[in-house]
């Protein structure tokens, strides 16, 4: 079982390779009873992609953020993040997931939706 993940970078792209020099990232699947979104990605995968393709202080953008896994990975790794989600239920879930993570940043102003 696999899933294709597409991500883009602004500027010079960094090559992504795993310890076995392939572009396949192998991680355990999220058990269905632990998912808060039907296509939720393991945060381990998102941490790998975010850390491999950005630096601390960069902005990570997820245009269909769902449960917020990419945003959580960005927050854990000291990146700024911006997510867009059409479903109010998943926006709430994303915010709840993000609230569980300690951020290395002190935000000066947080916009209210």
Protein backbone atom coordinates (compact mmCIF):
# COMPACT_ATOMS: atom_id res chain seq x y z
CA UNK A 1 0.00 0.00 0.00
CA UNK A 2 1.32 3.44 -0.86
CA UNK A 3 0.31 7.03 -1.30
CA UNK A 4 1.83 9.61 -3.60
CA UNK A 5 2.70 12.92 -1.97
CA UNK A 6 3.36 16.05 -3.96
CA UNK A 7 5.08 19.05 -2.48
CA UNK A 8 6.72 22.12 -3.93
CA UNK A 9 9.50 24.43 -2.82
CA UNK A 10 10.21 28.07 -3.50
CA UNK A 11 13.76 28.50 -4.71
CA UNK A 12 16.39 25.82 -5.25
CA UNK A 13 14.83 22.41 -4.52
CA UNK A 14 16.55 20.10 -2.08
CA UNK A 15 16.79 16.45 -3.17
CA UNK A 16 14.86 14.09 -0.92
CA UNK A 17 16.45 10.75 -0.24
CA UNK A 18 15.99 8.33 2.59
CA UNK A 19 18.70 6.31 4.33
CA UNK A 20 18.50 3.72 1.52
CA UNK A 21 18.98 6.47 -1.15
CA UNK A 22 15.48 6.05 -2.60
CA UNK A 23 12.56 8.46 -2.63
CA UNK A 24 10.33 6.07 -0.70
CA UNK A 25 9.58 6.89 2.91
CA UNK A 26 8.46 3.84 4.87
CA UNK A 27 6.48 4.38 8.07
CA UNK A 28 3.75 2.62 9.98
CA UNK A 29 0.21 3.41 8.96
CA UNK A 30 -2.13 5.28 11.31
CA UNK A 31 -4.66 2.81 12.66
CA UNK A 32 -8.19 3.68 11.52
CA UNK A 33 -9.46 3.97 15.10
CA UNK A 34 -6.78 6.64 15.80
CA UNK A 35 -7.50 8.79 12.74
CA UNK A 36 -9.26 12.13 12.99
CA UNK A 37 -9.37 12.51 9.16
CA UNK A 38 -9.93 9.83 6.49
CA UNK A 39 -6.66 10.62 4.64
CA UNK A 40 -4.57 11.62 7.67
CA UNK A 41 -0.83 11.32 7.08
CA UNK A 42 1.58 10.04 9.73
CA UNK A 43 3.32 13.05 11.26
CA UNK A 44 6.62 11.18 10.94
CA UNK A 45 6.34 11.46 7.13
CA UNK A 46 5.48 15.14 7.29
CA UNK A 47 8.36 15.88 9.68
CA UNK A 48 10.73 14.19 7.23
CA UNK A 49 9.39 16.18 4.26
CA UNK A 50 9.32 19.49 6.12
CA UNK A 51 12.81 19.05 7.61
CA UNK A 52 14.24 17.92 4.26
CA UNK A 53 12.73 20.74 2.23
CA UNK A 54 12.86 23.78 4.51
CA UNK A 55 14.88 25.51 7.19
CA UNK A 56 13.92 26.79 10.62
CA UNK A 57 11.92 30.00 10.24
CA UNK A 58 10.68 29.18 6.72
CA UNK A 59 6.96 29.09 5.93
CA UNK A 60 5.21 25.76 5.27
CA UNK A 61 1.95 26.07 3.31
CA UNK A 62 -0.65 23.29 3.18
CA UNK A 63 -3.57 24.25 0.90
CA UNK A 64 -5.77 21.33 1.99
CA UNK A 65 -4.60 20.85 5.56
CA UNK A 66 -7.24 18.37 6.74
CA UNK A 67 -6.27 17.29 10.25
CA UNK A 68 -3.23 19.60 10.27
CA UNK A 69 -0.43 17.00 10.23
CA UNK A 70 1.85 19.11 8.01
CA UNK A 71 1.17 22.18 10.14
CA UNK A 72 1.98 20.22 13.30
CA UNK A 73 5.23 18.98 11.77
CA UNK A 74 6.13 22.54 10.79
CA UNK A 75 5.39 23.82 14.28
CA UNK A 76 7.47 21.06 15.89
CA UNK A 77 10.40 21.89 13.60
CA UNK A 78 10.35 25.64 14.17
CA UNK A 79 8.76 26.64 10.88
CA UNK A 80 5.97 29.15 10.40
CA UNK A 81 2.90 27.55 8.87
CA UNK A 82 -0.23 28.42 6.93
CA UNK A 83 -3.04 26.00 6.24
CA UNK A 84 -6.27 26.26 4.28
CA UNK A 85 -9.22 23.93 4.87
CA UNK A 86 -12.78 24.19 3.57
CA UNK A 87 -14.38 22.04 6.28
CA UNK A 88 -15.10 23.88 9.54
CA UNK A 89 -14.92 20.54 11.38
CA UNK A 90 -11.37 19.89 10.15
CA UNK A 91 -10.33 23.48 10.84
CA UNK A 92 -11.36 22.85 14.45
CA UNK A 93 -9.47 19.54 14.53
CA UNK A 94 -6.36 21.19 13.05
CA UNK A 95 -6.44 23.90 15.69
CA UNK A 96 -6.86 21.30 18.44
CA UNK A 97 -3.91 19.28 17.09
CA UNK A 98 -1.75 22.42 16.89
CA UNK A 99 -2.68 23.42 20.44
CA UNK A 100 -1.14 20.15 21.67
CA UNK A 101 2.29 21.09 20.27
CA UNK A 102 4.70 23.42 22.00
CA UNK A 103 6.02 26.01 19.56
CA UNK A 104 9.57 27.37 19.59
CA UNK A 105 8.11 30.73 18.46
CA UNK A 106 6.51 33.46 20.52
CA UNK A 107 3.77 34.91 18.32
CA UNK A 108 3.36 38.67 18.46
CA UNK A 109 -0.13 38.72 16.97
CA UNK A 110 -2.46 35.87 16.11
CA UNK A 111 -5.27 36.55 13.68
CA UNK A 112 -8.76 35.39 14.62
CA UNK A 113 -10.91 33.80 11.92
